[in-house]
């Protein structure tokens, strides 16, 4: 039987679904592949976001395996939540969907998965009447987020210190 070139094999379908608590180990594995050591967050920090906002946290699966994810949650104001700190609760009044963390494994990059994950979360934010989507771009990702309609907004270095030297606060208004 002739060997099949792996590059010519058809790509498996990528499905998006709500993140479940049982996905956290797979999410942590994707996170470890995608981020510098100082940006790796604990199970508790990430799980708190999924627990508090299950309708805005999603995974991307291929062949039944989690290969990407998005943690997003309601938030209030400009100051981002601290990195690697569990959230005990969400603010009472929220005007923002904070895109806390998105990572896509190398295997899925370039296949449009990140914009699809983001759109699922933004749709939920619009339905809830939030005015903004905010995030902190890390590892030089600000140019990527600009392509998706986010613009930088000023945050003092102290507010971004835990995110690294190259961190940039970014904002996109949500049309209703």
N, C-alpha and C. Protein backbone atom coordinates (compact mmCIF):
# COMPACT_ATOMS: atom_id res chain seq x y z
N UNK A 1 0.85 -1.18 0.00
CA UNK A 1 0.00 0.00 0.00
C UNK A 1 0.89 1.24 0.00
N UNK A 2 0.65 2.19 -0.89
CA UNK A 2 1.51 3.37 -0.94
C UNK A 2 1.30 4.23 0.30
N UNK A 3 2.38 4.87 0.72
CA UNK A 3 2.27 5.76 1.89
C UNK A 3 1.55 7.03 1.46
N UNK A 4 0.75 7.53 2.36
CA UNK A 4 -0.02 8.75 2.07
C UNK A 4 0.74 9.94 2.65
N UNK A 5 0.90 10.97 1.83
CA UNK A 5 1.54 12.19 2.28
C UNK A 5 0.62 12.87 3.29
N UNK A 6 1.11 13.10 4.52
CA UNK A 6 0.28 13.70 5.56
C UNK A 6 -0.21 15.08 5.18
N UNK A 7 0.58 15.83 4.43
CA UNK A 7 0.19 17.18 4.03
C UNK A 7 -1.01 17.15 3.08
N UNK A 8 -1.18 16.05 2.34
CA UNK A 8 -2.27 15.99 1.37
C UNK A 8 -3.54 15.39 1.97
N UNK A 9 -3.49 14.92 3.20
CA UNK A 9 -4.69 14.38 3.83
C UNK A 9 -5.68 15.51 4.09
N UNK A 10 -6.96 15.24 3.90
CA UNK A 10 -7.93 16.29 4.19
C UNK A 10 -7.92 16.63 5.68
N UNK A 11 -8.12 17.91 5.96
CA UNK A 11 -8.14 18.34 7.36
C UNK A 11 -9.46 17.95 7.98
N UNK A 12 -9.39 17.50 9.22
CA UNK A 12 -10.60 17.15 9.95
C UNK A 12 -11.38 18.42 10.26
N UNK A 13 -12.67 18.27 10.38
CA UNK A 13 -13.53 19.40 10.70
C UNK A 13 -13.23 19.89 12.11
N UNK A 14 -13.27 21.19 12.28
CA UNK A 14 -13.09 21.80 13.59
C UNK A 14 -14.46 22.22 14.08
N UNK A 15 -14.82 21.75 15.27
CA UNK A 15 -16.09 22.13 15.86
C UNK A 15 -15.85 23.00 17.08
N UNK A 16 -16.74 23.95 17.29
CA UNK A 16 -16.69 24.83 18.45
C UNK A 16 -17.84 24.45 19.37
N UNK A 17 -17.55 24.46 20.66
CA UNK A 17 -18.60 24.17 21.64
C UNK A 17 -18.28 24.88 22.94
N UNK A 18 -19.28 24.94 23.81
CA UNK A 18 -19.07 25.52 25.13
C UNK A 18 -18.03 24.70 25.89
N UNK A 19 -17.17 25.39 26.60
CA UNK A 19 -16.16 24.72 27.42
C UNK A 19 -16.85 24.09 28.63
N UNK A 20 -16.37 22.91 29.00
CA UNK A 20 -16.84 22.22 30.19
C UNK A 20 -15.70 22.14 31.20
N UNK A 21 -16.04 21.96 32.45
CA UNK A 21 -15.01 21.82 33.49
C UNK A 21 -14.05 20.68 33.15
N UNK A 22 -14.55 19.63 32.54
CA UNK A 22 -13.72 18.48 32.20
C UNK A 22 -12.68 18.79 31.11
N UNK A 23 -12.80 19.94 30.46
CA UNK A 23 -11.85 20.32 29.40
C UNK A 23 -10.58 20.99 29.94
N UNK A 24 -10.55 21.33 31.20
CA UNK A 24 -9.46 22.16 31.73
C UNK A 24 -8.08 21.53 31.50
N UNK A 25 -7.91 20.23 31.69
CA UNK A 25 -6.60 19.61 31.46
C UNK A 25 -6.14 19.79 30.02
N UNK A 26 -7.05 19.59 29.07
CA UNK A 26 -6.70 19.77 27.66
C UNK A 26 -6.39 21.22 27.36
N UNK A 27 -7.14 22.13 27.97
CA UNK A 27 -6.89 23.57 27.80
C UNK A 27 -5.50 23.92 28.33
N UNK A 28 -5.16 23.40 29.49
CA UNK A 28 -3.83 23.67 30.06
C UNK A 28 -2.72 23.18 29.14
N UNK A 29 -2.94 22.06 28.46
CA UNK A 29 -1.93 21.54 27.53
C UNK A 29 -1.77 22.48 26.33
N UNK A 30 -2.87 23.01 25.79
CA UNK A 30 -2.78 23.97 24.69
C UNK A 30 -2.09 25.24 25.17
N UNK A 31 -2.46 25.72 26.35
CA UNK A 31 -1.84 26.92 26.91
C UNK A 31 -0.31 26.75 26.99
N UNK A 32 0.14 25.59 27.46
CA UNK A 32 1.58 25.34 27.61
C UNK A 32 2.31 25.37 26.27
N UNK A 33 1.62 25.01 25.20
CA UNK A 33 2.22 25.03 23.86
C UNK A 33 2.33 26.44 23.29
N UNK A 34 1.47 27.35 23.77
CA UNK A 34 1.31 28.63 23.12
C UNK A 34 1.93 29.83 23.84
N UNK A 35 2.19 29.72 25.12
CA UNK A 35 2.61 30.89 25.88
C UNK A 35 3.98 30.72 26.53
N UNK A 36 4.64 31.87 26.72
CA UNK A 36 5.87 31.90 27.50
C UNK A 36 5.54 31.49 28.92
N UNK A 37 6.53 30.99 29.62
CA UNK A 37 6.33 30.47 30.98
C UNK A 37 5.70 31.49 31.92
N UNK A 38 6.08 32.76 31.82
CA UNK A 38 5.54 33.76 32.75
C UNK A 38 4.08 34.11 32.48
N UNK A 39 3.52 33.65 31.38
CA UNK A 39 2.12 33.91 31.07
C UNK A 39 1.21 32.71 31.34
N UNK A 40 1.79 31.60 31.75
CA UNK A 40 1.00 30.40 32.03
C UNK A 40 0.17 30.62 33.29
N UNK A 41 -1.10 30.34 33.18
CA UNK A 41 -2.01 30.52 34.31
C UNK A 41 -2.38 29.18 34.94
N UNK A 42 -2.75 29.24 36.19
CA UNK A 42 -3.09 28.04 36.94
C UNK A 42 -4.46 27.51 36.57
N UNK A 43 -4.67 26.26 36.89
CA UNK A 43 -5.96 25.61 36.72
C UNK A 43 -7.05 26.42 37.44
N UNK A 44 -6.78 26.84 38.68
CA UNK A 44 -7.77 27.57 39.46
C UNK A 44 -8.16 28.89 38.80
N UNK A 45 -7.17 29.62 38.30
CA UNK A 45 -7.46 30.91 37.66
C UNK A 45 -8.33 30.72 36.43
N UNK A 46 -7.99 29.77 35.59
CA UNK A 46 -8.76 29.55 34.37
C UNK A 46 -10.13 28.95 34.67
N UNK A 47 -10.18 27.99 35.57
CA UNK A 47 -11.45 27.36 35.89
C UNK A 47 -12.43 28.38 36.46
N UNK A 48 -11.94 29.35 37.23
CA UNK A 48 -12.85 30.35 37.80
C UNK A 48 -13.57 31.12 36.69
N UNK A 49 -12.90 31.38 35.60
CA UNK A 49 -13.53 32.11 34.51
C UNK A 49 -14.59 31.25 33.81
N UNK A 50 -14.28 30.00 33.59
CA UNK A 50 -15.24 29.10 32.96
C UNK A 50 -16.45 28.90 33.88
N UNK A 51 -16.22 28.76 35.15
CA UNK A 51 -17.30 28.55 36.12
C UNK A 51 -18.22 29.77 36.19
N UNK A 52 -17.64 30.97 36.18
CA UNK A 52 -18.42 32.19 36.32
C UNK A 52 -19.13 32.62 35.03
N UNK A 53 -18.60 32.22 33.89
CA UNK A 53 -19.20 32.63 32.62
C UNK A 53 -19.16 31.50 31.59
N UNK A 54 -19.88 30.42 31.85
CA UNK A 54 -19.82 29.27 30.94
C UNK A 54 -20.36 29.57 29.54
N UNK A 55 -21.18 30.62 29.41
CA UNK A 55 -21.75 30.93 28.09
C UNK A 55 -20.82 31.78 27.22
N UNK A 56 -19.63 32.13 27.73
CA UNK A 56 -18.68 32.90 26.91
C UNK A 56 -17.29 32.24 26.88
N UNK A 57 -17.21 30.98 27.29
CA UNK A 57 -15.95 30.23 27.23
C UNK A 57 -16.15 29.04 26.31
N UNK A 58 -15.26 28.91 25.34
CA UNK A 58 -15.44 27.90 24.29
C UNK A 58 -14.16 27.14 24.01
N UNK A 59 -14.32 25.96 23.42
CA UNK A 59 -13.17 25.20 22.92
C UNK A 59 -13.38 24.90 21.45
N UNK A 60 -12.26 24.66 20.77
CA UNK A 60 -12.25 24.20 19.39
C UNK A 60 -11.72 22.78 19.41
N UNK A 61 -12.48 21.87 18.83
CA UNK A 61 -12.08 20.47 18.80
C UNK A 61 -11.83 20.02 17.37
N UNK A 62 -10.85 19.16 17.24
CA UNK A 62 -10.58 18.47 15.98
C UNK A 62 -10.34 17.02 16.34
N UNK A 63 -11.01 16.13 15.65
CA UNK A 63 -10.90 14.69 15.95
C UNK A 63 -11.16 14.40 17.43
N UNK A 64 -12.10 15.14 18.01
CA UNK A 64 -12.47 14.89 19.40
C UNK A 64 -11.48 15.40 20.44
N UNK A 65 -10.46 16.13 19.99
CA UNK A 65 -9.44 16.65 20.92
C UNK A 65 -9.50 18.17 20.94
N UNK A 66 -9.39 18.73 22.16
CA UNK A 66 -9.35 20.18 22.31
C UNK A 66 -8.03 20.68 21.76
N UNK A 67 -8.13 21.61 20.79
CA UNK A 67 -6.92 22.15 20.17
C UNK A 67 -6.90 23.69 20.19
N UNK A 68 -7.88 24.27 20.82
CA UNK A 68 -7.94 25.71 20.97
C UNK A 68 -9.01 26.06 21.98
N UNK A 69 -8.93 27.30 22.48
CA UNK A 69 -9.92 27.72 23.48
C UNK A 69 -9.99 29.23 23.56
N UNK A 70 -11.07 29.69 24.17
CA UNK A 70 -11.27 31.10 24.50
C UNK A 70 -11.94 31.19 25.86
N UNK A 71 -11.31 31.93 26.76
CA UNK A 71 -11.93 32.30 28.03
C UNK A 71 -12.32 33.76 27.91
N UNK A 72 -13.59 34.05 28.08
CA UNK A 72 -14.08 35.43 28.09
C UNK A 72 -15.10 35.52 29.21
N UNK A 73 -15.23 36.72 29.78
CA UNK A 73 -16.18 36.88 30.86
C UNK A 73 -16.61 38.34 30.97
N UNK A 74 -17.78 38.57 31.55
CA UNK A 74 -18.24 39.94 31.76
C UNK A 74 -17.28 40.68 32.70
N UNK A 75 -17.17 41.99 32.46
CA UNK A 75 -16.27 42.81 33.26
C UNK A 75 -16.79 44.24 33.27
N UNK A 76 -16.25 45.03 34.17
CA UNK A 76 -16.64 46.43 34.29
C UNK A 76 -15.40 47.30 34.18
N UNK A 77 -15.45 48.29 33.31
CA UNK A 77 -14.40 49.29 33.23
C UNK A 77 -13.17 48.87 32.46
N UNK A 78 -12.18 49.75 32.50
CA UNK A 78 -10.98 49.62 31.67
C UNK A 78 -9.90 48.71 32.25
N UNK A 79 -9.79 48.64 33.56
CA UNK A 79 -8.70 47.91 34.18
C UNK A 79 -8.92 46.41 34.06
N UNK A 80 -7.98 45.69 33.45
CA UNK A 80 -8.17 44.24 33.28
C UNK A 80 -7.99 43.50 34.60
N UNK A 81 -8.59 42.32 34.71
CA UNK A 81 -8.36 41.51 35.89
C UNK A 81 -6.90 41.03 35.91
N UNK A 82 -6.41 40.76 37.09
CA UNK A 82 -5.03 40.30 37.22
C UNK A 82 -4.85 38.93 36.57
N UNK A 83 -3.71 38.74 35.98
CA UNK A 83 -3.35 37.47 35.37
C UNK A 83 -3.12 36.43 36.46
N UNK A 84 -3.48 35.22 36.21
CA UNK A 84 -3.27 34.07 37.09
C UNK A 84 -3.83 34.28 38.50
N UNK A 85 -4.97 34.94 38.55
CA UNK A 85 -5.66 35.15 39.82
C UNK A 85 -7.09 34.67 39.66
N UNK A 86 -7.52 33.70 40.46
CA UNK A 86 -8.91 33.25 40.35
C UNK A 86 -9.87 34.40 40.65
N UNK A 87 -10.96 34.42 39.92
CA UNK A 87 -12.01 35.41 40.15
C UNK A 87 -13.03 34.81 41.10
N UNK A 88 -13.25 35.42 42.26
CA UNK A 88 -14.25 34.89 43.17
C UNK A 88 -15.67 35.15 42.68
N UNK A 89 -15.85 36.25 41.95
CA UNK A 89 -17.16 36.62 41.41
C UNK A 89 -16.94 37.61 40.28
N UNK A 90 -18.01 37.92 39.58
CA UNK A 90 -17.98 38.93 38.53
C UNK A 90 -18.55 40.23 39.09
N UNK A 91 -18.17 41.37 38.51
CA UNK A 91 -18.75 42.64 38.95
C UNK A 91 -20.28 42.61 38.79
N UNK A 92 -20.97 43.37 39.64
CA UNK A 92 -22.44 43.41 39.58
C UNK A 92 -22.94 44.01 38.28
N UNK A 93 -22.37 45.12 37.88
CA UNK A 93 -22.78 45.79 36.64
C UNK A 93 -21.62 45.68 35.66
N UNK A 94 -21.90 45.11 34.53
CA UNK A 94 -20.83 44.91 33.53
C UNK A 94 -21.17 45.64 32.25
N UNK A 95 -20.15 46.25 31.65
CA UNK A 95 -20.33 46.92 30.36
C UNK A 95 -19.41 46.34 29.30
N UNK A 96 -18.61 45.37 29.70
CA UNK A 96 -17.53 44.87 28.85
C UNK A 96 -17.49 43.35 28.85
N UNK A 97 -17.15 42.78 27.71
CA UNK A 97 -16.76 41.38 27.67
C UNK A 97 -15.24 41.40 27.61
N UNK A 98 -14.62 40.83 28.63
CA UNK A 98 -13.17 40.78 28.67
C UNK A 98 -12.72 39.45 28.08
N UNK A 99 -11.98 39.53 26.97
CA UNK A 99 -11.42 38.34 26.33
C UNK A 99 -10.13 38.02 27.07
N UNK A 100 -10.24 37.13 28.02
CA UNK A 100 -9.14 36.88 28.95
C UNK A 100 -7.99 36.10 28.31
N UNK A 101 -8.31 35.07 27.57
CA UNK A 101 -7.25 34.22 27.04
C UNK A 101 -7.79 33.43 25.86
N UNK A 102 -7.05 33.48 24.77
CA UNK A 102 -7.36 32.65 23.62
C UNK A 102 -6.06 32.05 23.12
N UNK A 103 -6.09 30.76 22.88
CA UNK A 103 -4.91 30.08 22.34
C UNK A 103 -5.37 29.01 21.35
N UNK A 104 -4.64 28.92 20.27
CA UNK A 104 -4.93 27.96 19.21
C UNK A 104 -3.67 27.15 18.97
N UNK A 105 -3.78 25.84 19.00
CA UNK A 105 -2.62 24.99 18.77
C UNK A 105 -2.08 25.22 17.35
N UNK A 106 -0.83 24.94 17.19
CA UNK A 106 -0.18 25.10 15.88
C UNK A 106 -0.96 24.37 14.79
N UNK A 107 -1.49 23.23 15.13
CA UNK A 107 -2.22 22.40 14.17
C UNK A 107 -3.43 23.13 13.56
N UNK A 108 -4.06 24.02 14.33
CA UNK A 108 -5.26 24.70 13.84
C UNK A 108 -5.02 26.11 13.34
N UNK A 109 -3.83 26.63 13.54
CA UNK A 109 -3.58 28.02 13.13
C UNK A 109 -3.73 28.18 11.62
N UNK A 110 -4.26 29.35 11.25
CA UNK A 110 -4.45 29.64 9.84
C UNK A 110 -5.72 29.06 9.25
N UNK A 111 -6.58 28.49 10.10
CA UNK A 111 -7.81 27.87 9.62
C UNK A 111 -9.05 28.64 10.06
N UNK A 112 -8.86 29.87 10.52
CA UNK A 112 -9.99 30.72 10.88
C UNK A 112 -10.66 30.38 12.20
N UNK A 113 -10.01 29.60 13.03
CA UNK A 113 -10.62 29.16 14.29
C UNK A 113 -10.72 30.31 15.29
N UNK A 114 -9.68 31.10 15.43
CA UNK A 114 -9.69 32.19 16.42
C UNK A 114 -10.83 33.18 16.16
N UNK A 115 -11.01 33.68 14.94
CA UNK A 115 -12.14 34.60 14.71
C UNK A 115 -13.50 33.95 14.98
N UNK A 116 -13.61 32.66 14.71
CA UNK A 116 -14.88 31.97 14.97
C UNK A 116 -15.15 31.88 16.47
N UNK A 117 -14.11 31.56 17.26
CA UNK A 117 -14.28 31.52 18.71
C UNK A 117 -14.67 32.90 19.24
N UNK A 118 -13.95 33.91 18.76
CA UNK A 118 -14.20 35.26 19.22
C UNK A 118 -15.62 35.69 18.86
N UNK A 119 -16.09 35.40 17.68
CA UNK A 119 -17.43 35.81 17.28
C UNK A 119 -18.50 35.16 18.14
N UNK A 120 -18.30 33.92 18.55
CA UNK A 120 -19.27 33.28 19.45
C UNK A 120 -19.39 34.07 20.76
N UNK A 121 -18.26 34.46 21.30
CA UNK A 121 -18.27 35.21 22.56
C UNK A 121 -18.85 36.60 22.36
N UNK A 122 -18.49 37.27 21.27
CA UNK A 122 -18.99 38.62 21.02
C UNK A 122 -20.50 38.63 20.77
N UNK A 123 -21.01 37.60 20.14
CA UNK A 123 -22.45 37.50 19.93
C UNK A 123 -23.17 37.48 21.28
N UNK A 124 -22.65 36.72 22.22
CA UNK A 124 -23.23 36.67 23.56
C UNK A 124 -23.15 38.03 24.23
N UNK A 125 -22.04 38.72 24.08
CA UNK A 125 -21.86 40.05 24.69
C UNK A 125 -22.86 41.05 24.12
N UNK A 126 -23.07 41.01 22.81
CA UNK A 126 -24.03 41.92 22.19
C UNK A 126 -25.45 41.64 22.70
N UNK A 127 -25.79 40.36 22.81
CA UNK A 127 -27.12 39.99 23.30
C UNK A 127 -27.34 40.49 24.72
N UNK A 128 -26.28 40.58 25.51
CA UNK A 128 -26.40 41.05 26.89
C UNK A 128 -26.30 42.57 26.99
N UNK A 129 -26.06 43.23 25.88
CA UNK A 129 -26.03 44.68 25.86
C UNK A 129 -24.71 45.30 26.29
N UNK A 130 -23.63 44.53 26.27
CA UNK A 130 -22.33 45.10 26.65
C UNK A 130 -21.89 46.10 25.59
N UNK A 131 -21.19 47.13 26.03
CA UNK A 131 -20.76 48.20 25.13
C UNK A 131 -19.42 47.92 24.47
N UNK A 132 -18.56 47.15 25.14
CA UNK A 132 -17.17 46.97 24.68
C UNK A 132 -16.72 45.52 24.79
N UNK A 133 -15.73 45.21 24.00
CA UNK A 133 -14.91 44.02 24.19
C UNK A 133 -13.51 44.56 24.46
N UNK A 134 -12.88 44.04 25.48
CA UNK A 134 -11.52 44.46 25.84
C UNK A 134 -10.66 43.22 25.99
N UNK A 135 -9.36 43.44 25.84
CA UNK A 135 -8.39 42.37 26.03
C UNK A 135 -7.04 42.99 26.30
N UNK A 136 -6.11 42.15 26.69
CA UNK A 136 -4.72 42.55 26.79
C UNK A 136 -3.95 41.69 25.80
N UNK A 137 -3.39 42.33 24.79
CA UNK A 137 -2.60 41.60 23.78
C UNK A 137 -1.21 41.34 24.37
N UNK A 138 -0.76 40.10 24.25
CA UNK A 138 0.56 39.70 24.75
C UNK A 138 1.34 39.02 23.64
N UNK A 139 2.62 38.86 23.87
CA UNK A 139 3.51 38.17 22.94
C UNK A 139 3.45 38.75 21.54
N UNK A 140 3.31 40.07 21.43
CA UNK A 140 3.32 40.72 20.13
C UNK A 140 2.06 40.55 19.31
N UNK A 141 0.93 40.20 19.95
CA UNK A 141 -0.29 39.91 19.21
C UNK A 141 -1.14 41.14 18.90
N UNK A 142 -0.70 42.34 19.28
CA UNK A 142 -1.51 43.54 19.04
C UNK A 142 -1.86 43.71 17.56
N UNK A 143 -0.93 43.43 16.66
CA UNK A 143 -1.22 43.59 15.23
C UNK A 143 -2.31 42.63 14.77
N UNK A 144 -2.33 41.43 15.31
CA UNK A 144 -3.39 40.47 14.99
C UNK A 144 -4.75 41.03 15.43
N UNK A 145 -4.82 41.54 16.66
CA UNK A 145 -6.08 42.05 17.19
C UNK A 145 -6.54 43.30 16.43
N UNK A 146 -5.60 44.10 15.95
CA UNK A 146 -5.98 45.26 15.13
C UNK A 146 -6.74 44.81 13.89
N UNK A 147 -6.30 43.73 13.28
CA UNK A 147 -6.97 43.20 12.08
C UNK A 147 -8.40 42.78 12.38
N UNK A 148 -8.69 42.47 13.64
CA UNK A 148 -10.03 42.05 14.04
C UNK A 148 -10.86 43.21 14.60
N UNK A 149 -10.34 44.44 14.44
CA UNK A 149 -11.11 45.61 14.82
C UNK A 149 -10.83 46.19 16.20
N UNK A 150 -9.84 45.69 16.89
CA UNK A 150 -9.48 46.23 18.20
C UNK A 150 -8.46 47.35 18.04
N UNK A 151 -8.57 48.35 18.89
CA UNK A 151 -7.61 49.45 18.89
C UNK A 151 -6.98 49.56 20.27
N UNK A 152 -5.72 50.01 20.33
CA UNK A 152 -5.07 50.18 21.64
C UNK A 152 -5.77 51.26 22.46
N UNK A 153 -5.77 51.08 23.76
CA UNK A 153 -6.22 52.13 24.66
C UNK A 153 -5.22 52.21 25.80
N UNK A 154 -5.04 53.40 26.34
CA UNK A 154 -3.99 53.60 27.33
C UNK A 154 -4.33 52.98 28.69
N UNK A 155 -3.41 52.20 29.17
CA UNK A 155 -3.45 51.65 30.53
C UNK A 155 -2.07 51.87 31.11
N UNK A 156 -2.01 52.31 32.34
CA UNK A 156 -0.71 52.50 32.97
C UNK A 156 0.06 51.20 33.07
N UNK A 157 1.37 51.30 33.03
CA UNK A 157 2.21 50.10 33.09
C UNK A 157 1.89 49.26 34.33
N UNK A 158 1.56 49.90 35.43
CA UNK A 158 1.24 49.15 36.64
C UNK A 158 0.05 48.22 36.45
N UNK A 159 -0.92 48.65 35.66
CA UNK A 159 -2.10 47.84 35.42
C UNK A 159 -1.82 46.66 34.49
N UNK A 160 -0.73 46.75 33.74
CA UNK A 160 -0.39 45.69 32.79
C UNK A 160 0.83 44.88 33.22
N UNK A 161 1.44 45.23 34.33
CA UNK A 161 2.72 44.63 34.71
C UNK A 161 2.68 43.11 34.73
N UNK A 162 1.62 42.52 35.23
CA UNK A 162 1.57 41.06 35.31
C UNK A 162 1.44 40.40 33.95
N UNK A 163 1.13 41.17 32.91
CA UNK A 163 0.97 40.62 31.57
C UNK A 163 2.25 40.63 30.74
N UNK A 164 3.29 41.24 31.25
CA UNK A 164 4.56 41.27 30.52
C UNK A 164 4.85 42.63 29.93
N UNK A 165 6.12 42.83 29.55
CA UNK A 165 6.59 44.13 29.06
C UNK A 165 5.93 44.57 27.75
N UNK A 166 5.54 43.62 26.92
CA UNK A 166 4.97 43.97 25.61
C UNK A 166 3.45 44.03 25.62
N UNK A 167 2.82 43.97 26.79
CA UNK A 167 1.36 43.93 26.89
C UNK A 167 0.74 45.25 26.43
N UNK A 168 -0.41 45.13 25.79
CA UNK A 168 -1.12 46.30 25.26
C UNK A 168 -2.61 46.12 25.49
N UNK A 169 -3.26 47.06 26.21
CA UNK A 169 -4.69 47.03 26.35
C UNK A 169 -5.34 47.36 25.02
N UNK A 170 -6.40 46.62 24.67
CA UNK A 170 -7.07 46.83 23.40
C UNK A 170 -8.58 46.79 23.60
N UNK A 171 -9.28 47.53 22.73
CA UNK A 171 -10.70 47.76 22.89
C UNK A 171 -11.40 47.71 21.54
N UNK A 172 -12.62 47.16 21.54
CA UNK A 172 -13.48 47.22 20.36
C UNK A 172 -14.89 47.54 20.83
N UNK A 173 -15.50 48.58 20.29
CA UNK A 173 -16.89 48.86 20.64
C UNK A 173 -17.80 47.77 20.05
N UNK A 174 -18.84 47.43 20.77
CA UNK A 174 -19.78 46.41 20.29
C UNK A 174 -21.03 47.09 19.77
N UNK A 175 -21.27 46.98 18.49
CA UNK A 175 -22.47 47.54 17.88
C UNK A 175 -23.66 46.69 18.27
N UNK A 176 -24.78 47.32 18.48
CA UNK A 176 -25.99 46.59 18.87
C UNK A 176 -27.00 46.59 17.76
